[in-house]
């Protein structure tokens, strides 16, 4: 199966993606991750203003197959939560990179790109 991999994102070993614009980082899960989970039925996301720490679980995602944690790829303060997926979590299955984003974070400085997988590295990992 061929998975969608966006070239304007960075990826984690645990299949989250990030997209940075200035001090704002948007976080979601990869197309591969949503496929592995199966039909997503519920997401528990953090509140606005909460600080999440790099590597710590910040959300819970429930599918018909499993309940899993989602890990923060960077440290930052939650500035936006995708309310649309709270009501219709299946959007994460159908559009994990655009409408299915999870949260936005305000971070200090730039993301250390060496800590992430490039789109090509992510493609190799999921082969």
PDB file of N, CA and C in Angstrom:
ATOM      1  N   UNK A   1       0.842  -1.189   0.000  1.00  0.00           N
ATOM      2  CA  UNK A   1       0.000   0.000   0.000  1.00  0.00           C
ATOM      3  C   UNK A   1       0.881   1.243   0.000  1.00  0.00           C
ATOM      4  N   UNK A   2       0.470   2.223  -0.756  1.00  0.00           N
ATOM      5  CA  UNK A   2       1.219   3.472  -0.831  1.00  0.00           C
ATOM      6  C   UNK A   2       0.570   4.501   0.088  1.00  0.00           C
ATOM      7  N   UNK A   3       1.353   5.060   0.993  1.00  0.00           N
ATOM      8  CA  UNK A   3       0.844   6.039   1.946  1.00  0.00           C
ATOM      9  C   UNK A   3       1.198   7.445   1.508  1.00  0.00           C
ATOM     10  N   UNK A   4       0.312   8.374   1.835  1.00  0.00           N
ATOM     11  CA  UNK A   4       0.533   9.782   1.553  1.00  0.00           C
ATOM     12  C   UNK A   4       1.592  10.315   2.523  1.00  0.00           C
ATOM     13  N   UNK A   5       2.607  10.953   1.972  1.00  0.00           N
ATOM     14  CA  UNK A   5       3.662  11.568   2.784  1.00  0.00           C
ATOM     15  C   UNK A   5       3.863  12.983   2.263  1.00  0.00           C
ATOM     16  N   UNK A   6       3.585  13.958   3.108  1.00  0.00           N
ATOM     17  CA  UNK A   6       3.728  15.364   2.712  1.00  0.00           C
ATOM     18  C   UNK A   6       5.184  15.776   2.821  1.00  0.00           C
ATOM     19  N   UNK A   7       5.666  16.488   1.801  1.00  0.00           N
ATOM     20  CA  UNK A   7       7.075  16.884   1.784  1.00  0.00           C
ATOM     21  C   UNK A   7       7.350  18.150   2.587  1.00  0.00           C
ATOM     22  N   UNK A   8       6.296  18.834   3.049  1.00  0.00           N
ATOM     23  CA  UNK A   8       6.497  20.061   3.839  1.00  0.00           C
ATOM     24  C   UNK A   8       6.406  19.795   5.344  1.00  0.00           C
ATOM     25  N   UNK A   9       6.533  18.524   5.748  1.00  0.00           N
ATOM     26  CA  UNK A   9       6.440  18.134   7.163  1.00  0.00           C
ATOM     27  C   UNK A   9       7.708  17.404   7.579  1.00  0.00           C
ATOM     28  N   UNK A  10       7.863  17.316   8.890  1.00  0.00           N
ATOM     29  CA  UNK A  10       8.862  16.444   9.488  1.00  0.00           C
ATOM     30  C   UNK A  10       8.109  15.369  10.267  1.00  0.00           C
ATOM     31  N   UNK A  11       8.751  14.241  10.482  1.00  0.00           N
ATOM     32  CA  UNK A  11       8.078  13.081  11.049  1.00  0.00           C
ATOM     33  C   UNK A  11       8.839  12.535  12.249  1.00  0.00           C
ATOM     34  N   UNK A  12       8.108  11.855  13.130  1.00  0.00           N
ATOM     35  CA  UNK A  12       8.735  11.232  14.300  1.00  0.00           C
ATOM     36  C   UNK A  12       8.775   9.723  14.123  1.00  0.00           C
ATOM     37  N   UNK A  13       9.592   9.079  14.940  1.00  0.00           N
ATOM     38  CA  UNK A  13       9.666   7.615  14.940  1.00  0.00           C
ATOM     39  C   UNK A  13       8.313   7.007  15.330  1.00  0.00           C
ATOM     40  N   UNK A  14       7.523   7.743  16.151  1.00  0.00           N
ATOM     41  CA  UNK A  14       6.229   7.220  16.616  1.00  0.00           C
ATOM     42  C   UNK A  14       5.065   7.681  15.728  1.00  0.00           C
ATOM     43  N   UNK A  15       5.386   8.178  14.525  1.00  0.00           N
ATOM     44  CA  UNK A  15       4.416   8.465  13.466  1.00  0.00           C
ATOM     45  C   UNK A  15       3.539   9.696  13.702  1.00  0.00           C
ATOM     46  N   UNK A  16       4.085  10.694  14.385  1.00  0.00           N
ATOM     47  CA  UNK A  16       3.450  12.016  14.389  1.00  0.00           C
ATOM     48  C   UNK A  16       4.145  12.846  13.314  1.00  0.00           C
ATOM     49  N   UNK A  17       3.462  13.874  12.850  1.00  0.00           N
ATOM     50  CA  UNK A  17       4.084  14.825  11.928  1.00  0.00           C
ATOM     51  C   UNK A  17       4.013  16.222  12.527  1.00  0.00           C
ATOM     52  N   UNK A  18       4.938  17.081  12.089  1.00  0.00           N
ATOM     53  CA  UNK A  18       4.892  18.492  12.476  1.00  0.00           C
ATOM     54  C   UNK A  18       5.056  19.352  11.232  1.00  0.00           C
ATOM     55  N   UNK A  19       4.453  20.519  11.305  1.00  0.00           N
ATOM     56  CA  UNK A  19       4.602  21.529  10.263  1.00  0.00           C
ATOM     57  C   UNK A  19       4.829  22.853  10.978  1.00  0.00           C
ATOM     58  N   UNK A  20       5.991  23.476  10.750  1.00  0.00           N
ATOM     59  CA  UNK A  20       6.327  24.711  11.458  1.00  0.00           C
ATOM     60  C   UNK A  20       6.163  25.932  10.568  1.00  0.00           C
ATOM     61  N   UNK A  21       5.517  26.953  11.131  1.00  0.00           N
ATOM     62  CA  UNK A  21       5.449  28.279  10.525  1.00  0.00           C
ATOM     63  C   UNK A  21       5.771  29.275  11.622  1.00  0.00           C
ATOM     64  N   UNK A  22       6.928  29.910  11.520  1.00  0.00           N
ATOM     65  CA  UNK A  22       7.431  30.821  12.551  1.00  0.00           C
ATOM     66  C   UNK A  22       7.506  30.088  13.889  1.00  0.00           C
ATOM     67  N   UNK A  23       6.861  30.623  14.938  1.00  0.00           N
ATOM     68  CA  UNK A  23       6.938  29.954  16.245  1.00  0.00           C
ATOM     69  C   UNK A  23       5.754  29.014  16.467  1.00  0.00           C
ATOM     70  N   UNK A  24       4.982  28.758  15.399  1.00  0.00           N
ATOM     71  CA  UNK A  24       3.811  27.890  15.502  1.00  0.00           C
ATOM     72  C   UNK A  24       4.109  26.537  14.852  1.00  0.00           C
ATOM     73  N   UNK A  25       3.803  25.472  15.604  1.00  0.00           N
ATOM     74  CA  UNK A  25       3.979  24.120  15.089  1.00  0.00           C
ATOM     75  C   UNK A  25       2.637  23.403  15.153  1.00  0.00           C
ATOM     76  N   UNK A  26       2.180  22.892  14.020  1.00  0.00           N
ATOM     77  CA  UNK A  26       0.966  22.092  13.965  1.00  0.00           C
ATOM     78  C   UNK A  26       1.381  20.628  14.029  1.00  0.00           C
ATOM     79  N   UNK A  27       0.608  19.833  14.784  1.00  0.00           N
ATOM     80  CA  UNK A  27       0.939  18.429  15.029  1.00  0.00           C
ATOM     81  C   UNK A  27      -0.235  17.547  14.605  1.00  0.00           C
ATOM     82  N   UNK A  28       0.083  16.404  14.017  1.00  0.00           N
ATOM     83  CA  UNK A  28      -0.929  15.417  13.666  1.00  0.00           C
ATOM     84  C   UNK A  28      -0.304  14.045  13.622  1.00  0.00           C
ATOM     85  N   UNK A  29      -1.082  13.062  13.173  1.00  0.00           N
ATOM     86  CA  UNK A  29      -0.522  11.723  12.987  1.00  0.00           C
ATOM     87  C   UNK A  29      -0.431  11.441  11.489  1.00  0.00           C
ATOM     88  N   UNK A  30       0.457  10.547  11.140  1.00  0.00           N
ATOM     89  CA  UNK A  30       0.712  10.258   9.730  1.00  0.00           C
ATOM     90  C   UNK A  30      -0.393   9.396   9.115  1.00  0.00           C
ATOM     91  N   UNK A  31      -0.387   9.374   7.811  1.00  0.00           N
ATOM     92  CA  UNK A  31      -1.303   8.512   7.067  1.00  0.00           C
ATOM     93  C   UNK A  31      -1.067   7.050   7.455  1.00  0.00           C
ATOM     94  N   UNK A  32       0.192   6.672   7.621  1.00  0.00           N
ATOM     95  CA  UNK A  32       0.519   5.308   8.043  1.00  0.00           C
ATOM     96  C   UNK A  32      -0.099   5.011   9.415  1.00  0.00           C
ATOM     97  N   UNK A  33       0.032   5.939  10.359  1.00  0.00           N
ATOM     98  CA  UNK A  33      -0.492   5.734  11.718  1.00  0.00           C
ATOM     99  C   UNK A  33      -2.011   5.564  11.707  1.00  0.00           C
ATOM    100  N   UNK A  34      -2.704   6.431  10.979  1.00  0.00           N
ATOM    101  CA  UNK A  34      -4.171   6.311  10.955  1.00  0.00           C
ATOM    102  C   UNK A  34      -4.590   4.994  10.321  1.00  0.00           C
ATOM    103  N   UNK A  35      -3.836   4.528   9.323  1.00  0.00           N
ATOM    104  CA  UNK A  35      -4.153   3.254   8.687  1.00  0.00           C
ATOM    105  C   UNK A  35      -3.944   2.091   9.657  1.00  0.00           C
ATOM    106  N   UNK A  36      -2.855   2.125  10.406  1.00  0.00           N
ATOM    107  CA  UNK A  36      -2.567   1.083  11.393  1.00  0.00           C
ATOM    108  C   UNK A  36      -3.627   1.050  12.491  1.00  0.00           C
ATOM    109  N   UNK A  37      -4.108   2.221  12.898  1.00  0.00           N
ATOM    110  CA  UNK A  37      -5.113   2.295  13.960  1.00  0.00           C
ATOM    111  C   UNK A  37      -6.468   1.774  13.504  1.00  0.00           C
ATOM    112  N   UNK A  38      -6.797   1.971  12.261  1.00  0.00           N
ATOM    113  CA  UNK A  38      -8.137   1.627  11.782  1.00  0.00           C
ATOM    114  C   UNK A  38      -9.088   2.779  12.053  1.00  0.00           C
ATOM    115  N   UNK A  39     -10.372   2.501  12.049  1.00  0.00           N
ATOM    116  CA  UNK A  39     -11.382   3.554  12.190  1.00  0.00           C
ATOM    117  C   UNK A  39     -11.266   4.244  13.550  1.00  0.00           C
ATOM    118  N   UNK A  40     -10.964   5.538  13.510  1.00  0.00           N
ATOM    119  CA  UNK A  40     -10.802   6.325  14.735  1.00  0.00           C
ATOM    120  C   UNK A  40     -12.184   6.756  15.217  1.00  0.00           C
ATOM    121  N   UNK A  41     -12.444   6.512  16.502  1.00  0.00           N
ATOM    122  CA  UNK A  41     -13.773   6.789  17.054  1.00  0.00           C
ATOM    123  C   UNK A  41     -13.767   7.863  18.136  1.00  0.00           C
ATOM    124  N   UNK A  42     -12.585   8.192  18.691  1.00  0.00           N
ATOM    125  CA  UNK A  42     -12.536   9.178  19.779  1.00  0.00           C
ATOM    126  C   UNK A  42     -11.125   9.714  19.931  1.00  0.00           C
ATOM    127  N   UNK A  43     -11.023  11.017  20.231  1.00  0.00           N
ATOM    128  CA  UNK A  43      -9.741  11.633  20.560  1.00  0.00           C
ATOM    129  C   UNK A  43      -9.901  12.467  21.819  1.00  0.00           C
ATOM    130  N   UNK A  44      -8.937  12.357  22.704  1.00  0.00           N
ATOM    131  CA  UNK A  44      -8.882  13.214  23.885  1.00  0.00           C
ATOM    132  C   UNK A  44      -7.670  14.111  23.714  1.00  0.00           C
ATOM    133  N   UNK A  45      -7.934  15.401  23.505  1.00  0.00           N
ATOM    134  CA  UNK A  45      -6.874  16.372  23.234  1.00  0.00           C
ATOM    135  C   UNK A  45      -6.703  17.299  24.427  1.00  0.00           C
ATOM    136  N   UNK A  46      -5.535  17.953  24.538  1.00  0.00           N
ATOM    137  CA  UNK A  46      -5.296  18.847  25.676  1.00  0.00           C
ATOM    138  C   UNK A  46      -6.095  20.144  25.569  1.00  0.00           C
ATOM    139  N   UNK A  47      -6.190  20.852  26.683  1.00  0.00           N
ATOM    140  CA  UNK A  47      -6.865  22.145  26.736  1.00  0.00           C
ATOM    141  C   UNK A  47      -5.944  23.237  26.185  1.00  0.00           C
ATOM    142  N   UNK A  48      -6.531  24.324  25.721  1.00  0.00           N
ATOM    143  CA  UNK A  48      -5.756  25.495  25.304  1.00  0.00           C
ATOM    144  C   UNK A  48      -4.949  26.008  26.489  1.00  0.00           C
ATOM    145  N   UNK A  49      -3.738  26.469  26.215  1.00  0.00           N
ATOM    146  CA  UNK A  49      -2.900  27.051  27.255  1.00  0.00           C
ATOM    147  C   UNK A  49      -2.049  26.070  28.021  1.00  0.00           C
ATOM    148  N   UNK A  50      -2.286  24.775  27.821  1.00  0.00           N
ATOM    149  CA  UNK A  50      -1.497  23.749  28.501  1.00  0.00           C
ATOM    150  C   UNK A  50      -0.125  23.658  27.831  1.00  0.00           C
ATOM    151  N   UNK A  51       0.919  23.440  28.635  1.00  0.00           N
ATOM    152  CA  UNK A  51       2.240  23.201  28.077  1.00  0.00           C
ATOM    153  C   UNK A  51       2.452  21.706  27.944  1.00  0.00           C
ATOM    154  N   UNK A  52       2.856  21.280  26.755  1.00  0.00           N
ATOM    155  CA  UNK A  52       3.193  19.878  26.525  1.00  0.00           C
ATOM    156  C   UNK A  52       4.703  19.778  26.363  1.00  0.00           C
ATOM    157  N   UNK A  53       5.254  18.683  26.869  1.00  0.00           N
ATOM    158  CA  UNK A  53       6.702  18.490  26.835  1.00  0.00           C
ATOM    159  C   UNK A  53       7.088  17.463  25.791  1.00  0.00           C
ATOM    160  N   UNK A  54       8.168  17.749  25.108  1.00  0.00           N
ATOM    161  CA  UNK A  54       8.713  16.868  24.084  1.00  0.00           C
ATOM    162  C   UNK A  54       8.818  15.442  24.620  1.00  0.00           C
ATOM    163  N   UNK A  55       8.219  14.501  23.897  1.00  0.00           N
ATOM    164  CA  UNK A  55       8.308  13.096  24.251  1.00  0.00           C
ATOM    165  C   UNK A  55       7.234  12.587  25.187  1.00  0.00           C
ATOM    166  N   UNK A  56       6.442  13.487  25.749  1.00  0.00           N
ATOM    167  CA  UNK A  56       5.382  13.069  26.664  1.00  0.00           C
ATOM    168  C   UNK A  56       4.060  12.924  25.924  1.00  0.00           C
ATOM    169  N   UNK A  57       3.221  12.019  26.411  1.00  0.00           N
ATOM    170  CA  UNK A  57       1.892  11.841  25.820  1.00  0.00           C
ATOM    171  C   UNK A  57       1.073  13.101  26.049  1.00  0.00           C
ATOM    172  N   UNK A  58       0.454  13.609  24.988  1.00  0.00           N
ATOM    173  CA  UNK A  58      -0.385  14.792  25.120  1.00  0.00           C
ATOM    174  C   UNK A  58      -1.840  14.504  24.741  1.00  0.00           C
ATOM    175  N   UNK A  59      -2.078  13.358  24.137  1.00  0.00           N
ATOM    176  CA  UNK A  59      -3.432  13.035  23.679  1.00  0.00           C
ATOM    177  C   UNK A  59      -3.622  11.527  23.695  1.00  0.00           C
ATOM    178  N   UNK A  60      -4.895  11.151  23.657  1.00  0.00           N
ATOM    179  CA  UNK A  60      -5.265   9.740  23.543  1.00  0.00           C
ATOM    180  C   UNK A  60      -6.141   9.607  22.306  1.00  0.00           C
ATOM    181  N   UNK A  61      -5.855   8.580  21.520  1.00  0.00           N
ATOM    182  CA  UNK A  61      -6.640   8.317  20.319  1.00  0.00           C
ATOM    183  C   UNK A  61      -7.199   6.900  20.437  1.00  0.00           C
ATOM    184  N   UNK A  62      -8.491   6.787  20.189  1.00  0.00           N
ATOM    185  CA  UNK A  62      -9.152   5.496  20.308  1.00  0.00           C
ATOM    186  C   UNK A  62      -9.698   5.104  18.943  1.00  0.00           C
ATOM    187  N   UNK A  63      -9.392   3.873  18.564  1.00  0.00           N
ATOM    188  CA  UNK A  63      -9.908   3.344  17.308  1.00  0.00           C
ATOM    189  C   UNK A  63     -10.645   2.043  17.608  1.00  0.00           C
ATOM    190  N   UNK A  64     -11.179   1.446  16.559  1.00  0.00           N
ATOM    191  CA  UNK A  64     -11.861   0.169  16.759  1.00  0.00           C
ATOM    192  C   UNK A  64     -10.868  -0.929  17.141  1.00  0.00           C
ATOM    193  N   UNK A  65      -9.577  -0.707  16.883  1.00  0.00           N
ATOM    194  CA  UNK A  65      -8.551  -1.697  17.179  1.00  0.00           C
ATOM    195  C   UNK A  65      -7.854  -1.496  18.519  1.00  0.00           C
ATOM    196  N   UNK A  66      -7.668  -0.227  18.925  1.00  0.00           N
ATOM    197  CA  UNK A  66      -6.801   0.032  20.083  1.00  0.00           C
ATOM    198  C   UNK A  66      -7.018   1.428  20.648  1.00  0.00           C
ATOM    199  N   UNK A  67      -6.493   1.620  21.850  1.00  0.00           N
ATOM    200  CA  UNK A  67      -6.383   2.948  22.453  1.00  0.00           C
ATOM    201  C   UNK A  67      -4.894   3.241  22.548  1.00  0.00           C
ATOM    202  N   UNK A  68      -4.470   4.383  22.022  1.00  0.00           N
ATOM    203  CA  UNK A  68      -3.045   4.714  21.966  1.00  0.00           C
ATOM    204  C   UNK A  68      -2.796   6.136  22.428  1.00  0.00           C
ATOM    205  N   UNK A  69      -1.599   6.356  22.948  1.00  0.00           N
ATOM    206  CA  UNK A  69      -1.164   7.705  23.276  1.00  0.00           C
ATOM    207  C   UNK A  69      -0.556   8.346  22.036  1.00  0.00           C
ATOM    208  N   UNK A  70      -0.634   9.667  21.991  1.00  0.00           N
ATOM    209  CA  UNK A  70       0.051  10.441  20.965  1.00  0.00           C
ATOM    210  C   UNK A  70       1.063  11.310  21.702  1.00  0.00           C
ATOM    211  N   UNK A  71       2.297  11.333  21.202  1.00  0.00           N
ATOM    212  CA  UNK A  71       3.394  11.972  21.909  1.00  0.00           C
ATOM    213  C   UNK A  71       3.756  13.323  21.293  1.00  0.00           C
ATOM    214  N   UNK A  72       4.078  14.257  22.163  1.00  0.00           N
ATOM    215  CA  UNK A  72       4.471  15.589  21.712  1.00  0.00           C
ATOM    216  C   UNK A  72       5.846  15.523  21.052  1.00  0.00           C
ATOM    217  N   UNK A  73       5.948  15.984  19.827  1.00  0.00           N
ATOM    218  CA  UNK A  73       7.238  15.963  19.147  1.00  0.00           C
ATOM    219  C   UNK A  73       8.147  17.119  19.551  1.00  0.00           C
ATOM    220  N   UNK A  74       7.558  18.145  20.175  1.00  0.00           N
ATOM    221  CA  UNK A  74       8.301  19.318  20.647  1.00  0.00           C
ATOM    222  C   UNK A  74       7.638  19.822  21.928  1.00  0.00           C
ATOM    223  N   UNK A  75       8.339  20.677  22.652  1.00  0.00           N
ATOM    224  CA  UNK A  75       7.772  21.323  23.831  1.00  0.00           C
ATOM    225  C   UNK A  75       7.139  22.640  23.399  1.00  0.00           C
ATOM    226  N   UNK A  76       5.935  22.897  23.883  1.00  0.00           N
ATOM    227  CA  UNK A  76       5.274  24.155  23.542  1.00  0.00           C
ATOM    228  C   UNK A  76       3.959  24.302  24.276  1.00  0.00           C
ATOM    229  N   UNK A  77       3.343  25.461  24.071  1.00  0.00           N
ATOM    230  CA  UNK A  77       2.054  25.775  24.680  1.00  0.00           C
ATOM    231  C   UNK A  77       0.959  25.599  23.636  1.00  0.00           C
ATOM    232  N   UNK A  78      -0.101  24.895  24.004  1.00  0.00           N
ATOM    233  CA  UNK A  78      -1.203  24.634  23.080  1.00  0.00           C
ATOM    234  C   UNK A  78      -1.945  25.937  22.779  1.00  0.00           C
ATOM    235  N   UNK A  79      -1.947  26.329  21.502  1.00  0.00           N
ATOM    236  CA  UNK A  79      -2.621  27.557  21.079  1.00  0.00           C
ATOM    237  C   UNK A  79      -3.890  27.278  20.278  1.00  0.00           C
ATOM    238  N   UNK A  80      -4.044  26.051  19.797  1.00  0.00           N
ATOM    239  CA  UNK A  80      -5.249  25.676  19.054  1.00  0.00           C
ATOM    240  C   UNK A  80      -5.441  24.174  19.159  1.00  0.00           C
ATOM    241  N   UNK A  81      -6.705  23.796  19.219  1.00  0.00           N
ATOM    242  CA  UNK A  81      -7.111  22.392  19.235  1.00  0.00           C
ATOM    243  C   UNK A  81      -8.133  22.223  18.120  1.00  0.00           C
ATOM    244  N   UNK A  82      -8.009  21.170  17.355  1.00  0.00           N
ATOM    245  CA  UNK A  82      -8.921  20.939  16.240  1.00  0.00           C
ATOM    246  C   UNK A  82     -10.257  20.409  16.771  1.00  0.00           C
ATOM    247  N   UNK A  83     -11.166  21.335  17.058  1.00  0.00           N
ATOM    248  CA  UNK A  83     -12.477  20.966  17.601  1.00  0.00           C
ATOM    249  C   UNK A  83     -13.285  20.115  16.632  1.00  0.00           C
ATOM    250  N   UNK A  84     -13.046  20.277  15.343  1.00  0.00           N
ATOM    251  CA  UNK A  84     -13.804  19.530  14.341  1.00  0.00           C
ATOM    252  C   UNK A  84     -13.621  18.021  14.528  1.00  0.00           C
ATOM    253  N   UNK A  85     -12.404  17.596  14.896  1.00  0.00           N
ATOM    254  CA  UNK A  85     -12.173  16.159  15.037  1.00  0.00           C
ATOM    255  C   UNK A  85     -12.705  15.612  16.360  1.00  0.00           C
ATOM    256  N   UNK A  86     -13.033  16.497  17.295  1.00  0.00           N
ATOM    257  CA  UNK A  86     -13.664  16.042  18.531  1.00  0.00           C
ATOM    258  C   UNK A  86     -15.052  15.476  18.196  1.00  0.00           C
ATOM    259  N   UNK A  87     -15.760  16.150  17.296  1.00  0.00           N
ATOM    260  CA  UNK A  87     -17.111  15.732  16.904  1.00  0.00           C
ATOM    261  C   UNK A  87     -17.111  14.682  15.799  1.00  0.00           C
ATOM    262  N   UNK A  88     -16.136  14.755  14.907  1.00  0.00           N
ATOM    263  CA  UNK A  88     -16.055  13.813  13.788  1.00  0.00           C
ATOM    264  C   UNK A  88     -14.620  13.277  13.673  1.00  0.00           C
ATOM    265  N   UNK A  89     -14.234  12.375  14.587  1.00  0.00           N
ATOM    266  CA  UNK A  89     -12.851  11.890  14.623  1.00  0.00           C
ATOM    267  C   UNK A  89     -12.417  11.142  13.367  1.00  0.00           C
ATOM    268  N   UNK A  90     -13.382  10.652  12.599  1.00  0.00           N
ATOM    269  CA  UNK A  90     -13.023   9.916  11.380  1.00  0.00           C
ATOM    270  C   UNK A  90     -12.319  10.801  10.352  1.00  0.00           C
ATOM    271  N   UNK A  91     -12.357  12.120  10.530  1.00  0.00           N
ATOM    272  CA  UNK A  91     -11.618  13.024   9.637  1.00  0.00           C
ATOM    273  C   UNK A  91     -10.123  12.715   9.688  1.00  0.00           C
ATOM    274  N   UNK A  92      -9.631  12.270  10.850  1.00  0.00           N
ATOM    275  CA  UNK A  92      -8.208  11.918  10.953  1.00  0.00           C
ATOM    276  C   UNK A  92      -7.890  10.757  10.013  1.00  0.00           C
ATOM    277  N   UNK A  93      -8.830   9.845   9.812  1.00  0.00           N
ATOM    278  CA  UNK A  93      -8.624   8.744   8.861  1.00  0.00           C
ATOM    279  C   UNK A  93      -8.630   9.240   7.417  1.00  0.00           C
ATOM    280  N   UNK A  94      -9.572  10.111   7.099  1.00  0.00           N
ATOM    281  CA  UNK A  94      -9.734  10.517   5.701  1.00  0.00           C
ATOM    282  C   UNK A  94      -8.775  11.622   5.272  1.00  0.00           C
ATOM    283  N   UNK A  95      -8.294  12.443   6.208  1.00  0.00           N
ATOM    284  CA  UNK A  95      -7.447  13.581   5.853  1.00  0.00           C
ATOM    285  C   UNK A  95      -6.484  13.915   6.992  1.00  0.00           C
ATOM    286  N   UNK A  96      -5.523  13.021   7.288  1.00  0.00           N
ATOM    287  CA  UNK A  96      -4.673  13.205   8.466  1.00  0.00           C
ATOM    288  C   UNK A  96      -3.753  14.423   8.409  1.00  0.00           C
ATOM    289  N   UNK A  97      -3.488  14.958   7.206  1.00  0.00           N
ATOM    290  CA  UNK A  97      -2.526  16.050   7.102  1.00  0.00           C
ATOM    291  C   UNK A  97      -3.150  17.445   7.027  1.00  0.00           C
ATOM    292  N   UNK A  98      -4.372  17.543   6.638  1.00  0.00           N
ATOM    293  CA  UNK A  98      -4.985  18.858   6.487  1.00  0.00           C
ATOM    294  C   UNK A  98      -6.090  19.048   7.524  1.00  0.00           C
ATOM    295  N   UNK A  99      -7.288  18.573   7.239  1.00  0.00           N
ATOM    296  CA  UNK A  99      -8.405  18.763   8.170  1.00  0.00           C
ATOM    297  C   UNK A  99      -8.249  17.941   9.445  1.00  0.00           C
ATOM    298  N   UNK A 100      -7.438  16.901   9.422  1.00  0.00           N
ATOM    299  CA  UNK A 100      -7.284  16.017  10.569  1.00  0.00           C
ATOM    300  C   UNK A 100      -6.143  16.351  11.502  1.00  0.00           C
ATOM    301  N   UNK A 101      -5.600  17.577  11.424  1.00  0.00           N
ATOM    302  CA  UNK A 101      -4.543  17.976  12.356  1.00  0.00           C
ATOM    303  C   UNK A 101      -5.091  17.916  13.791  1.00  0.00           C
ATOM    304  N   UNK A 102      -4.207  17.810  14.775  1.00  0.00           N
ATOM    305  CA  UNK A 102      -4.641  17.655  16.154  1.00  0.00           C
ATOM    306  C   UNK A 102      -4.554  18.941  16.964  1.00  0.00           C
ATOM    307  N   UNK A 103      -3.331  19.476  17.095  1.00  0.00           N
ATOM    308  CA  UNK A 103      -3.130  20.692  17.897  1.00  0.00           C
ATOM    309  C   UNK A 103      -2.099  21.582  17.226  1.00  0.00           C
ATOM    310  N   UNK A 104      -2.090  22.849  17.658  1.00  0.00           N
ATOM    311  CA  UNK A 104      -1.014  23.775  17.308  1.00  0.00           C
ATOM    312  C   UNK A 104      -0.337  24.208  18.593  1.00  0.00           C
ATOM    313  N   UNK A 105       0.982  24.369  18.499  1.00  0.00           N
ATOM    314  CA  UNK A 105       1.785  24.751  19.655  1.00  0.00           C
ATOM    315  C   UNK A 105       2.582  26.007  19.351  1.00  0.00           C
ATOM    316  N   UNK A 106       2.751  26.835  20.365  1.00  0.00           N
ATOM    317  CA  UNK A 106       3.671  27.962  20.293  1.00  0.00           C
ATOM    318  C   UNK A 106       4.970  27.483  20.927  1.00  0.00           C
ATOM    319  N   UNK A 107       6.064  27.555  20.179  1.00  0.00           N
ATOM    320  CA  UNK A 107       7.342  27.067  20.694  1.00  0.00           C
ATOM    321  C   UNK A 107       8.352  28.204  20.750  1.00  0.00           C
ATOM    322  N   UNK A 108       9.388  28.000  21.545  1.00  0.00           N
ATOM    323  CA  UNK A 108      10.499  28.942  21.601  1.00  0.00           C
ATOM    324  C   UNK A 108      11.552  28.497  20.604  1.00  0.00           C
ATOM    325  N   UNK A 109      11.853  29.355  19.641  1.00  0.00           N
ATOM    326  CA  UNK A 109      12.914  29.038  18.699  1.00  0.00           C
ATOM    327  C   UNK A 109      12.470  28.139  17.569  1.00  0.00           C
ATOM    328  N   UNK A 110      13.466  27.517  16.952  1.00  0.00           N
ATOM    329  CA  UNK A 110      13.222  26.650  15.810  1.00  0.00           C
ATOM    330  C   UNK A 110      13.251  25.190  16.224  1.00  0.00           C
ATOM    331  N   UNK A 111      12.600  24.380  15.442  1.00  0.00           N
ATOM    332  CA  UNK A 111      12.617  22.935  15.628  1.00  0.00           C
ATOM    333  C   UNK A 111      13.996  22.427  15.206  1.00  0.00           C
ATOM    334  N   UNK A 112      14.572  21.536  15.990  1.00  0.00           N
ATOM    335  CA  UNK A 112      15.835  20.893  15.636  1.00  0.00           C
ATOM    336  C   UNK A 112      15.534  19.784  14.635  1.00  0.00           C
ATOM    337  N   UNK A 113      15.738  20.079  13.371  1.00  0.00           N
ATOM    338  CA  UNK A 113      15.358  19.142  12.318  1.00  0.00           C
ATOM    339  C   UNK A 113      16.096  17.807  12.411  1.00  0.00           C
ATOM    340  N   UNK A 114      17.253  17.798  13.055  1.00  0.00           N
ATOM    341  CA  UNK A 114      18.019  16.558  13.196  1.00  0.00           C
ATOM    342  C   UNK A 114      17.318  15.544  14.094  1.00  0.00           C
ATOM    343  N   UNK A 115      16.350  15.993  14.899  1.00  0.00           N
ATOM    344  CA  UNK A 115      15.623  15.099  15.795  1.00  0.00           C
ATOM    345  C   UNK A 115      14.436  14.415  15.101  1.00  0.00           C
ATOM    346  N   UNK A 116      14.222  14.733  13.829  1.00  0.00           N
ATOM    347  CA  UNK A 116      13.055  14.233  13.105  1.00  0.00           C
ATOM    348  C   UNK A 116      13.461  13.465  11.861  1.00  0.00           C
ATOM    349  N   UNK A 117      12.510  12.710  11.345  1.00  0.00           N
ATOM    350  CA  UNK A 117      12.697  12.035  10.069  1.00  0.00           C
ATOM    351  C   UNK A 117      12.272  12.966   8.941  1.00  0.00           C
ATOM    352  N   UNK A 118      13.040  12.996   7.895  1.00  0.00           N
ATOM    353  CA  UNK A 118      12.631  13.725   6.695  1.00  0.00           C
ATOM    354  C   UNK A 118      11.511  12.930   6.029  1.00  0.00           C
ATOM    355  N   UNK A 119      10.817  13.536   5.067  1.00  0.00           N
ATOM    356  CA  UNK A 119       9.814  12.756   4.330  1.00  0.00           C
ATOM    357  C   UNK A 119      10.396  11.475   3.717  1.00  0.00           C
ATOM    358  N   UNK A 120      11.596  11.551   3.167  1.00  0.00           N
ATOM    359  CA  UNK A 120      12.220  10.354   2.585  1.00  0.00           C
ATOM    360  C   UNK A 120      12.539   9.309   3.646  1.00  0.00           C
ATOM    361  N   UNK A 121      13.044   9.768   4.803  1.00  0.00           N
ATOM    362  CA  UNK A 121      13.353   8.837   5.902  1.00  0.00           C
ATOM    363  C   UNK A 121      12.060   8.156   6.395  1.00  0.00           C
ATOM    364  N   UNK A 122      10.990   8.934   6.491  1.00  0.00           N
ATOM    365  CA  UNK A 122       9.702   8.383   6.920  1.00  0.00           C
ATOM    366  C   UNK A 122       9.206   7.328   5.907  1.00  0.00           C
ATOM    367  N   UNK A 123       9.358   7.641   4.633  1.00  0.00           N
ATOM    368  CA  UNK A 123       8.949   6.702   3.583  1.00  0.00           C
ATOM    369  C   UNK A 123       9.721   5.382   3.725  1.00  0.00           C
ATOM    370  N   UNK A 124      11.016   5.484   3.973  1.00  0.00           N
ATOM    371  CA  UNK A 124      11.837   4.272   4.147  1.00  0.00           C
ATOM    372  C   UNK A 124      11.409   3.477   5.370  1.00  0.00           C
ATOM    373  N   UNK A 125      11.078   4.168   6.446  1.00  0.00           N
ATOM    374  CA  UNK A 125      10.718   3.516   7.698  1.00  0.00           C
ATOM    375  C   UNK A 125       9.436   2.684   7.557  1.00  0.00           C
ATOM    376  N   UNK A 126       8.480   3.170   6.770  1.00  0.00           N
ATOM    377  CA  UNK A 126       7.188   2.494   6.694  1.00  0.00           C
ATOM    378  C   UNK A 126       7.095   1.493   5.538  1.00  0.00           C
ATOM    379  N   UNK A 127       8.174   1.321   4.792  1.00  0.00           N
ATOM    380  CA  UNK A 127       8.145   0.359   3.683  1.00  0.00           C
ATOM    381  C   UNK A 127       7.869  -1.042   4.171  1.00  0.00           C
TER     382      UNK A 127
END
